[in-house]
Amino acid sequence: MNKYETIFLMKDDIAEEERNNVIDTIKNYLEENGKITKIEDLGIKKLAYEVRKYKEAYYYLIEFESTSEIIPELERKYRITDEIIKFIVIRIED
């Protein structure tokens, strides 16, 4: 199992319930296919540059352990979720 870290940014104008639904979807996928070691709500922050006409976004950080096979599907989930405006998944070296 590899260690990964993902950060995703969500629109700042969505309701808390919608945000929680998106977070739950991502968490459930990761828990089904690996193990979450850390999750952190970093709150709303100002972006360094405009992303899809947004100047602020909610930041979420999740560290998890899994095989590399789940990463393409995780990134696909990010891309098709309208509330997510930017994301990154990186492998953490031991």
PDB file of N, CA and C in Angstrom:
ATOM      1  N   MET A   1       0.847  -1.188   0.000  1.00  0.00           N
ATOM      2  CA  MET A   1       0.000   0.000   0.000  1.00  0.00           C
ATOM      3  C   MET A   1       0.885   1.241   0.000  1.00  0.00           C
ATOM      4  N   ASN A   2       0.478   2.197  -0.806  1.00  0.00           N
ATOM      5  CA  ASN A   2       1.183   3.468  -0.901  1.00  0.00           C
ATOM      6  C   ASN A   2       0.469   4.522  -0.070  1.00  0.00           C
ATOM      7  N   LYS A   3       1.221   5.535   0.325  1.00  0.00           N
ATOM      8  CA  LYS A   3       0.641   6.660   1.057  1.00  0.00           C
ATOM      9  C   LYS A   3       0.413   7.806   0.088  1.00  0.00           C
ATOM     10  N   TYR A   4      -0.753   8.435   0.205  1.00  0.00           N
ATOM     11  CA  TYR A   4      -1.117   9.542  -0.671  1.00  0.00           C
ATOM     12  C   TYR A   4      -1.675  10.700   0.142  1.00  0.00           C
ATOM     13  N   GLU A   5      -1.637  11.859  -0.487  1.00  0.00           N
ATOM     14  CA  GLU A   5      -2.245  13.058   0.079  1.00  0.00           C
ATOM     15  C   GLU A   5      -3.036  13.712  -1.037  1.00  0.00           C
ATOM     16  N   THR A   6      -4.244  14.114  -0.746  1.00  0.00           N
ATOM     17  CA  THR A   6      -5.042  14.820  -1.732  1.00  0.00           C
ATOM     18  C   THR A   6      -5.588  16.099  -1.101  1.00  0.00           C
ATOM     19  N   ILE A   7      -5.570  17.142  -1.891  1.00  0.00           N
ATOM     20  CA  ILE A   7      -6.166  18.412  -1.494  1.00  0.00           C
ATOM     21  C   ILE A   7      -7.157  18.772  -2.589  1.00  0.00           C
ATOM     22  N   PHE A   8      -8.363  19.136  -2.181  1.00  0.00           N
ATOM     23  CA  PHE A   8      -9.314  19.605  -3.180  1.00  0.00           C
ATOM     24  C   PHE A   8      -9.985  20.878  -2.704  1.00  0.00           C
ATOM     25  N   LEU A   9     -10.322  21.722  -3.673  1.00  0.00           N
ATOM     26  CA  LEU A   9     -10.925  23.019  -3.410  1.00  0.00           C
ATOM     27  C   LEU A   9     -12.358  22.995  -3.896  1.00  0.00           C
ATOM     28  N   MET A  10     -13.263  23.463  -3.037  1.00  0.00           N
ATOM     29  CA  MET A  10     -14.675  23.500  -3.391  1.00  0.00           C
ATOM     30  C   MET A  10     -15.154  24.938  -3.466  1.00  0.00           C
ATOM     31  N   LYS A  11     -16.165  25.152  -4.278  1.00  0.00           N
ATOM     32  CA  LYS A  11     -16.753  26.484  -4.439  1.00  0.00           C
ATOM     33  C   LYS A  11     -17.128  27.064  -3.084  1.00  0.00           C
ATOM     34  N   ASP A  12     -16.968  28.373  -2.940  1.00  0.00           N
ATOM     35  CA  ASP A  12     -17.254  28.999  -1.654  1.00  0.00           C
ATOM     36  C   ASP A  12     -18.721  29.392  -1.492  1.00  0.00           C
ATOM     37  N   ASP A  13     -19.517  29.262  -2.537  1.00  0.00           N
ATOM     38  CA  ASP A  13     -20.919  29.700  -2.466  1.00  0.00           C
ATOM     39  C   ASP A  13     -21.930  28.555  -2.388  1.00  0.00           C
ATOM     40  N   ILE A  14     -21.472  27.361  -2.020  1.00  0.00           N
ATOM     41  CA  ILE A  14     -22.416  26.246  -1.903  1.00  0.00           C
ATOM     42  C   ILE A  14     -22.807  26.064  -0.440  1.00  0.00           C
ATOM     43  N   ALA A  15     -23.949  25.437  -0.250  1.00  0.00           N
ATOM     44  CA  ALA A  15     -24.479  25.212   1.099  1.00  0.00           C
ATOM     45  C   ALA A  15     -23.629  24.176   1.836  1.00  0.00           C
ATOM     46  N   GLU A  16     -23.652  24.253   3.146  1.00  0.00           N
ATOM     47  CA  GLU A  16     -22.875  23.331   3.978  1.00  0.00           C
ATOM     48  C   GLU A  16     -23.286  21.877   3.728  1.00  0.00           C
ATOM     49  N   GLU A  17     -24.569  21.652   3.526  1.00  0.00           N
ATOM     50  CA  GLU A  17     -25.064  20.293   3.265  1.00  0.00           C
ATOM     51  C   GLU A  17     -24.464  19.731   1.973  1.00  0.00           C
ATOM     52  N   GLU A  18     -24.390  20.561   0.929  1.00  0.00           N
ATOM     53  CA  GLU A  18     -23.793  20.120  -0.333  1.00  0.00           C
ATOM     54  C   GLU A  18     -22.314  19.796  -0.144  1.00  0.00           C
ATOM     55  N   ARG A  19     -21.605  20.644   0.599  1.00  0.00           N
ATOM     56  CA  ARG A  19     -20.180  20.400   0.866  1.00  0.00           C
ATOM     57  C   ARG A  19     -20.004  19.076   1.580  1.00  0.00           C
ATOM     58  N   ASN A  20     -20.828  18.848   2.600  1.00  0.00           N
ATOM     59  CA  ASN A  20     -20.726  17.604   3.363  1.00  0.00           C
ATOM     60  C   ASN A  20     -21.014  16.385   2.496  1.00  0.00           C
ATOM     61  N   ASN A  21     -21.965  16.497   1.576  1.00  0.00           N
ATOM     62  CA  ASN A  21     -22.274  15.387   0.670  1.00  0.00           C
ATOM     63  C   ASN A  21     -21.072  15.047  -0.212  1.00  0.00           C
ATOM     64  N   VAL A  22     -20.411  16.066  -0.733  1.00  0.00           N
ATOM     65  CA  VAL A  22     -19.236  15.843  -1.582  1.00  0.00           C
ATOM     66  C   VAL A  22     -18.119  15.206  -0.767  1.00  0.00           C
ATOM     67  N   ILE A  23     -17.866  15.731   0.425  1.00  0.00           N
ATOM     68  CA  ILE A  23     -16.814  15.188   1.283  1.00  0.00           C
ATOM     69  C   ILE A  23     -17.116  13.738   1.643  1.00  0.00           C
ATOM     70  N   ASP A  24     -18.368  13.445   1.974  1.00  0.00           N
ATOM     71  CA  ASP A  24     -18.754  12.072   2.305  1.00  0.00           C
ATOM     72  C   ASP A  24     -18.549  11.129   1.128  1.00  0.00           C
ATOM     73  N   THR A  25     -18.849  11.583  -0.069  1.00  0.00           N
ATOM     74  CA  THR A  25     -18.661  10.759  -1.268  1.00  0.00           C
ATOM     75  C   THR A  25     -17.193  10.396  -1.438  1.00  0.00           C
ATOM     76  N   ILE A  26     -16.317  11.390  -1.301  1.00  0.00           N
ATOM     77  CA  ILE A  26     -14.880  11.146  -1.450  1.00  0.00           C
ATOM     78  C   ILE A  26     -14.374  10.246  -0.321  1.00  0.00           C
ATOM     79  N   LYS A  27     -14.773  10.542   0.921  1.00  0.00           N
ATOM     80  CA  LYS A  27     -14.337   9.730   2.058  1.00  0.00           C
ATOM     81  C   LYS A  27     -14.802   8.284   1.910  1.00  0.00           C
ATOM     82  N   ASN A  28     -16.048   8.071   1.514  1.00  0.00           N
ATOM     83  CA  ASN A  28     -16.565   6.710   1.354  1.00  0.00           C
ATOM     84  C   ASN A  28     -15.782   5.938   0.310  1.00  0.00           C
ATOM     85  N   TYR A  29     -15.460   6.593  -0.811  1.00  0.00           N
ATOM     86  CA  TYR A  29     -14.682   5.922  -1.862  1.00  0.00           C
ATOM     87  C   TYR A  29     -13.304   5.518  -1.332  1.00  0.00           C
ATOM     88  N   LEU A  30     -12.657   6.430  -0.614  1.00  0.00           N
ATOM     89  CA  LEU A  30     -11.321   6.134  -0.083  1.00  0.00           C
ATOM     90  C   LEU A  30     -11.366   5.045   0.980  1.00  0.00           C
ATOM     91  N   GLU A  31     -12.384   5.048   1.828  1.00  0.00           N
ATOM     92  CA  GLU A  31     -12.495   4.027   2.870  1.00  0.00           C
ATOM     93  C   GLU A  31     -12.801   2.653   2.296  1.00  0.00           C
ATOM     94  N   GLU A  32     -13.544   2.615   1.193  1.00  0.00           N
ATOM     95  CA  GLU A  32     -13.858   1.339   0.545  1.00  0.00           C
ATOM     96  C   GLU A  32     -12.622   0.727  -0.104  1.00  0.00           C
ATOM     97  N   ASN A  33     -11.697   1.583  -0.536  1.00  0.00           N
ATOM     98  CA  ASN A  33     -10.542   1.113  -1.301  1.00  0.00           C
ATOM     99  C   ASN A  33      -9.205   1.324  -0.604  1.00  0.00           C
ATOM    100  N   GLY A  34      -9.231   1.703   0.635  1.00  0.00           N
ATOM    101  CA  GLY A  34      -7.988   1.938   1.359  1.00  0.00           C
ATOM    102  C   GLY A  34      -8.283   2.343   2.789  1.00  0.00           C
ATOM    103  N   LYS A  35      -7.393   3.167   3.348  1.00  0.00           N
ATOM    104  CA  LYS A  35      -7.525   3.572   4.747  1.00  0.00           C
ATOM    105  C   LYS A  35      -7.171   5.051   4.856  1.00  0.00           C
ATOM    106  N   ILE A  36      -8.085   5.839   5.400  1.00  0.00           N
ATOM    107  CA  ILE A  36      -7.831   7.257   5.617  1.00  0.00           C
ATOM    108  C   ILE A  36      -7.035   7.402   6.909  1.00  0.00           C
ATOM    109  N   THR A  37      -5.916   8.133   6.839  1.00  0.00           N
ATOM    110  CA  THR A  37      -5.090   8.328   8.029  1.00  0.00           C
ATOM    111  C   THR A  37      -5.263   9.720   8.624  1.00  0.00           C
ATOM    112  N   LYS A  38      -5.716  10.682   7.815  1.00  0.00           N
ATOM    113  CA  LYS A  38      -5.896  12.048   8.320  1.00  0.00           C
ATOM    114  C   LYS A  38      -6.863  12.787   7.411  1.00  0.00           C
ATOM    115  N   ILE A  39      -7.750  13.555   8.017  1.00  0.00           N
ATOM    116  CA  ILE A  39      -8.635  14.419   7.247  1.00  0.00           C
ATOM    117  C   ILE A  39      -8.679  15.763   7.941  1.00  0.00           C
ATOM    118  N   GLU A  40      -8.567  16.808   7.162  1.00  0.00           N
ATOM    119  CA  GLU A  40      -8.486  18.138   7.739  1.00  0.00           C
ATOM    120  C   GLU A  40      -9.292  19.125   6.897  1.00  0.00           C
ATOM    121  N   ASP A  41     -10.187  19.838   7.545  1.00  0.00           N
ATOM    122  CA  ASP A  41     -10.931  20.918   6.908  1.00  0.00           C
ATOM    123  C   ASP A  41     -10.123  22.187   7.147  1.00  0.00           C
ATOM    124  N   LEU A  42      -9.519  22.704   6.102  1.00  0.00           N
ATOM    125  CA  LEU A  42      -8.662  23.878   6.233  1.00  0.00           C
ATOM    126  C   LEU A  42      -9.446  25.177   6.134  1.00  0.00           C
ATOM    127  N   GLY A  43     -10.742  25.074   5.877  1.00  0.00           N
ATOM    128  CA  GLY A  43     -11.596  26.260   5.842  1.00  0.00           C
ATOM    129  C   GLY A  43     -11.527  27.005   4.532  1.00  0.00           C
ATOM    130  N   ILE A  44     -12.128  28.186   4.546  1.00  0.00           N
ATOM    131  CA  ILE A  44     -12.181  29.004   3.344  1.00  0.00           C
ATOM    132  C   ILE A  44     -10.924  29.873   3.277  1.00  0.00           C
ATOM    133  N   LYS A  45     -10.317  29.908   2.110  1.00  0.00           N
ATOM    134  CA  LYS A  45      -9.093  30.684   1.925  1.00  0.00           C
ATOM    135  C   LYS A  45      -9.166  31.442   0.602  1.00  0.00           C
ATOM    136  N   LYS A  46      -8.439  32.516   0.560  1.00  0.00           N
ATOM    137  CA  LYS A  46      -8.342  33.293  -0.666  1.00  0.00           C
ATOM    138  C   LYS A  46      -7.394  32.578  -1.619  1.00  0.00           C
ATOM    139  N   LEU A  47      -7.778  32.505  -2.888  1.00  0.00           N
ATOM    140  CA  LEU A  47      -6.946  31.850  -3.891  1.00  0.00           C
ATOM    141  C   LEU A  47      -5.871  32.803  -4.392  1.00  0.00           C
ATOM    142  N   ALA A  48      -4.748  32.260  -4.806  1.00  0.00           N
ATOM    143  CA  ALA A  48      -3.659  33.074  -5.334  1.00  0.00           C
ATOM    144  C   ALA A  48      -4.050  33.698  -6.680  1.00  0.00           C
ATOM    145  N   TYR A  49      -4.905  33.006  -7.410  1.00  0.00           N
ATOM    146  CA  TYR A  49      -5.417  33.502  -8.681  1.00  0.00           C
ATOM    147  C   TYR A  49      -6.821  32.953  -8.874  1.00  0.00           C
ATOM    148  N   GLU A  50      -7.573  33.581  -9.735  1.00  0.00           N
ATOM    149  CA  GLU A  50      -8.955  33.165  -9.968  1.00  0.00           C
ATOM    150  C   GLU A  50      -9.013  31.780 -10.613  1.00  0.00           C
ATOM    151  N   VAL A  51      -9.884  30.938 -10.090  1.00  0.00           N
ATOM    152  CA  VAL A  51     -10.110  29.606 -10.640  1.00  0.00           C
ATOM    153  C   VAL A  51     -11.596  29.501 -10.944  1.00  0.00           C
ATOM    154  N   ARG A  52     -11.930  29.359 -12.207  1.00  0.00           N
ATOM    155  CA  ARG A  52     -13.335  29.285 -12.648  1.00  0.00           C
ATOM    156  C   ARG A  52     -14.161  30.431 -12.068  1.00  0.00           C
ATOM    157  N   LYS A  53     -13.593  31.613 -12.075  1.00  0.00           N
ATOM    158  CA  LYS A  53     -14.216  32.854 -11.611  1.00  0.00           C
ATOM    159  C   LYS A  53     -14.404  32.916 -10.098  1.00  0.00           C
ATOM    160  N   TYR A  54     -13.763  32.033  -9.360  1.00  0.00           N
ATOM    161  CA  TYR A  54     -13.817  32.056  -7.900  1.00  0.00           C
ATOM    162  C   TYR A  54     -12.523  32.647  -7.348  1.00  0.00           C
ATOM    163  N   LYS A  55     -12.661  33.516  -6.351  1.00  0.00           N
ATOM    164  CA  LYS A  55     -11.503  34.129  -5.715  1.00  0.00           C
ATOM    165  C   LYS A  55     -11.211  33.507  -4.350  1.00  0.00           C
ATOM    166  N   GLU A  56     -12.179  32.755  -3.812  1.00  0.00           N
ATOM    167  CA  GLU A  56     -12.028  32.040  -2.546  1.00  0.00           C
ATOM    168  C   GLU A  56     -12.587  30.631  -2.710  1.00  0.00           C
ATOM    169  N   ALA A  57     -12.101  29.710  -1.876  1.00  0.00           N
ATOM    170  CA  ALA A  57     -12.588  28.332  -1.941  1.00  0.00           C
ATOM    171  C   ALA A  57     -12.397  27.654  -0.594  1.00  0.00           C
ATOM    172  N   TYR A  58     -13.152  26.585  -0.371  1.00  0.00           N
ATOM    173  CA  TYR A  58     -12.983  25.730   0.802  1.00  0.00           C
ATOM    174  C   TYR A  58     -11.891  24.711   0.478  1.00  0.00           C
ATOM    175  N   TYR A  59     -10.933  24.576   1.378  1.00  0.00           N
ATOM    176  CA  TYR A  59      -9.821  23.648   1.199  1.00  0.00           C
ATOM    177  C   TYR A  59     -10.035  22.433   2.096  1.00  0.00           C
ATOM    178  N   TYR A  60      -9.798  21.237   1.534  1.00  0.00           N
ATOM    179  CA  TYR A  60      -9.867  19.988   2.304  1.00  0.00           C
ATOM    180  C   TYR A  60      -8.640  19.152   2.001  1.00  0.00           C
ATOM    181  N   LEU A  61      -8.073  18.593   3.043  1.00  0.00           N
ATOM    182  CA  LEU A  61      -6.884  17.757   2.928  1.00  0.00           C
ATOM    183  C   LEU A  61      -7.216  16.374   3.459  1.00  0.00           C
ATOM    184  N   ILE A  62      -6.856  15.350   2.699  1.00  0.00           N
ATOM    185  CA  ILE A  62      -7.051  13.972   3.148  1.00  0.00           C
ATOM    186  C   ILE A  62      -5.769  13.202   2.870  1.00  0.00           C
ATOM    187  N   GLU A  63      -5.250  12.536   3.894  1.00  0.00           N
ATOM    188  CA  GLU A  63      -4.130  11.621   3.719  1.00  0.00           C
ATOM    189  C   GLU A  63      -4.692  10.213   3.818  1.00  0.00           C
ATOM    190  N   PHE A  64      -4.235   9.327   2.919  1.00  0.00           N
ATOM    191  CA  PHE A  64      -4.766   7.973   2.913  1.00  0.00           C
ATOM    192  C   PHE A  64      -3.734   6.987   2.396  1.00  0.00           C
ATOM    193  N   GLU A  65      -3.986   5.714   2.665  1.00  0.00           N
ATOM    194  CA  GLU A  65      -3.153   4.620   2.181  1.00  0.00           C
ATOM    195  C   GLU A  65      -3.997   3.757   1.265  1.00  0.00           C
ATOM    196  N   SER A  66      -3.425   3.418   0.102  1.00  0.00           N
ATOM    197  CA  SER A  66      -4.160   2.609  -0.859  1.00  0.00           C
ATOM    198  C   SER A  66      -3.218   2.138  -1.956  1.00  0.00           C
ATOM    199  N   THR A  67      -3.776   1.360  -2.872  1.00  0.00           N
ATOM    200  CA  THR A  67      -3.011   0.962  -4.051  1.00  0.00           C
ATOM    201  C   THR A  67      -3.159   2.044  -5.115  1.00  0.00           C
ATOM    202  N   SER A  68      -2.266   2.037  -6.074  1.00  0.00           N
ATOM    203  CA  SER A  68      -2.278   3.069  -7.115  1.00  0.00           C
ATOM    204  C   SER A  68      -3.451   2.921  -8.081  1.00  0.00           C
ATOM    205  N   GLU A  69      -4.110   1.774  -8.084  1.00  0.00           N
ATOM    206  CA  GLU A  69      -5.207   1.534  -9.027  1.00  0.00           C
ATOM    207  C   GLU A  69      -6.417   2.435  -8.786  1.00  0.00           C
ATOM    208  N   ILE A  70      -6.590   2.946  -7.566  1.00  0.00           N
ATOM    209  CA  ILE A  70      -7.786   3.751  -7.283  1.00  0.00           C
ATOM    210  C   ILE A  70      -7.632   5.219  -7.677  1.00  0.00           C
ATOM    211  N   ILE A  71      -6.418   5.670  -7.937  1.00  0.00           N
ATOM    212  CA  ILE A  71      -6.171   7.091  -8.200  1.00  0.00           C
ATOM    213  C   ILE A  71      -6.898   7.599  -9.454  1.00  0.00           C
ATOM    214  N   PRO A  72      -6.866   6.892 -10.582  1.00  0.00           N
ATOM    215  CA  PRO A  72      -7.609   7.397 -11.759  1.00  0.00           C
ATOM    216  C   PRO A  72      -9.108   7.576 -11.498  1.00  0.00           C
ATOM    217  N   GLU A  73      -9.706   6.660 -10.756  1.00  0.00           N
ATOM    218  CA  GLU A  73     -11.136   6.778 -10.450  1.00  0.00           C
ATOM    219  C   GLU A  73     -11.389   7.942  -9.483  1.00  0.00           C
ATOM    220  N   LEU A  74     -10.499   8.145  -8.520  1.00  0.00           N
ATOM    221  CA  LEU A  74     -10.623   9.275  -7.602  1.00  0.00           C
ATOM    222  C   LEU A  74     -10.561  10.594  -8.384  1.00  0.00           C
ATOM    223  N   GLU A  75      -9.606  10.704  -9.292  1.00  0.00           N
ATOM    224  CA  GLU A  75      -9.485  11.918 -10.092  1.00  0.00           C
ATOM    225  C   GLU A  75     -10.701  12.105 -10.999  1.00  0.00           C
ATOM    226  N   ARG A  76     -11.257  11.011 -11.504  1.00  0.00           N
ATOM    227  CA  ARG A  76     -12.473  11.113 -12.315  1.00  0.00           C
ATOM    228  C   ARG A  76     -13.626  11.649 -11.475  1.00  0.00           C
ATOM    229  N   LYS A  77     -13.742  11.176 -10.241  1.00  0.00           N
ATOM    230  CA  LYS A  77     -14.792  11.672  -9.341  1.00  0.00           C
ATOM    231  C   LYS A  77     -14.629  13.175  -9.099  1.00  0.00           C
ATOM    232  N   TYR A  78     -13.391  13.616  -8.912  1.00  0.00           N
ATOM    233  CA  TYR A  78     -13.139  15.047  -8.747  1.00  0.00           C
ATOM    234  C   TYR A  78     -13.593  15.833  -9.976  1.00  0.00           C
ATOM    235  N   ARG A  79     -13.242  15.329 -11.155  1.00  0.00           N
ATOM    236  CA  ARG A  79     -13.556  16.053 -12.397  1.00  0.00           C
ATOM    237  C   ARG A  79     -15.056  16.165 -12.664  1.00  0.00           C
ATOM    238  N   ILE A  80     -15.820  15.144 -12.307  1.00  0.00           N
ATOM    239  CA  ILE A  80     -17.254  15.173 -12.626  1.00  0.00           C
ATOM    240  C   ILE A  80     -18.088  15.832 -11.534  1.00  0.00           C
ATOM    241  N   THR A  81     -17.465  16.182 -10.418  1.00  0.00           N
ATOM    242  CA  THR A  81     -18.182  16.848  -9.327  1.00  0.00           C
ATOM    243  C   THR A  81     -18.116  18.353  -9.550  1.00  0.00           C
ATOM    244  N   ASP A  82     -19.254  18.954  -9.834  1.00  0.00           N
ATOM    245  CA  ASP A  82     -19.307  20.383 -10.161  1.00  0.00           C
ATOM    246  C   ASP A  82     -18.818  21.277  -9.030  1.00  0.00           C
ATOM    247  N   GLU A  83     -19.006  20.857  -7.790  1.00  0.00           N
ATOM    248  CA  GLU A  83     -18.635  21.693  -6.647  1.00  0.00           C
ATOM    249  C   GLU A  83     -17.118  21.797  -6.454  1.00  0.00           C
ATOM    250  N   ILE A  84     -16.361  20.839  -6.994  1.00  0.00           N
ATOM    251  CA  ILE A  84     -14.899  20.851  -6.862  1.00  0.00           C
ATOM    252  C   ILE A  84     -14.307  21.629  -8.030  1.00  0.00           C
ATOM    253  N   ILE A  85     -13.518  22.651  -7.688  1.00  0.00           N
ATOM    254  CA  ILE A  85     -12.956  23.497  -8.748  1.00  0.00           C
ATOM    255  C   ILE A  85     -11.481  23.199  -9.029  1.00  0.00           C
ATOM    256  N   LYS A  86     -10.800  22.545  -8.110  1.00  0.00           N
ATOM    257  CA  LYS A  86      -9.394  22.201  -8.313  1.00  0.00           C
ATOM    258  C   LYS A  86      -9.024  21.081  -7.348  1.00  0.00           C
ATOM    259  N   PHE A  87      -8.054  20.250  -7.742  1.00  0.00           N
ATOM    260  CA  PHE A  87      -7.627  19.138  -6.891  1.00  0.00           C
ATOM    261  C   PHE A  87      -6.218  18.716  -7.259  1.00  0.00           C
ATOM    262  N   ILE A  88      -5.593  18.005  -6.357  1.00  0.00           N
ATOM    263  CA  ILE A  88      -4.311  17.374  -6.621  1.00  0.00           C
ATOM    264  C   ILE A  88      -4.204  16.133  -5.745  1.00  0.00           C
ATOM    265  N   VAL A  89      -3.593  15.094  -6.296  1.00  0.00           N
ATOM    266  CA  VAL A  89      -3.317  13.865  -5.546  1.00  0.00           C
ATOM    267  C   VAL A  89      -1.824  13.597  -5.705  1.00  0.00           C
ATOM    268  N   ILE A  90      -1.122  13.459  -4.592  1.00  0.00           N
ATOM    269  CA  ILE A  90       0.314  13.185  -4.664  1.00  0.00           C
ATOM    270  C   ILE A  90       0.656  11.976  -3.802  1.00  0.00           C
ATOM    271  N   ARG A  91       1.672  11.261  -4.219  1.00  0.00           N
ATOM    272  CA  ARG A  91       2.161  10.115  -3.444  1.00  0.00           C
ATOM    273  C   ARG A  91       3.199  10.615  -2.469  1.00  0.00           C
ATOM    274  N   ILE A  92       3.094  10.178  -1.224  1.00  0.00           N
ATOM    275  CA  ILE A  92       4.035  10.573  -0.181  1.00  0.00           C
ATOM    276  C   ILE A  92       5.120   9.501  -0.096  1.00  0.00           C
ATOM    277  N   GLU A  93       6.351   9.907  -0.240  1.00  0.00           N
ATOM    278  CA  GLU A  93       7.473   8.962  -0.121  1.00  0.00           C
ATOM    279  C   GLU A  93       7.767   8.712   1.349  1.00  0.00           C
ATOM    280  N   ASP A  94       8.098   7.485   1.678  1.00  0.00           N
ATOM    281  CA  ASP A  94       8.430   7.146   3.064  1.00  0.00           C
ATOM    282  C   ASP A  94       9.788   7.654   3.453  1.00  0.00           C
TER     283      ASP A  94
END
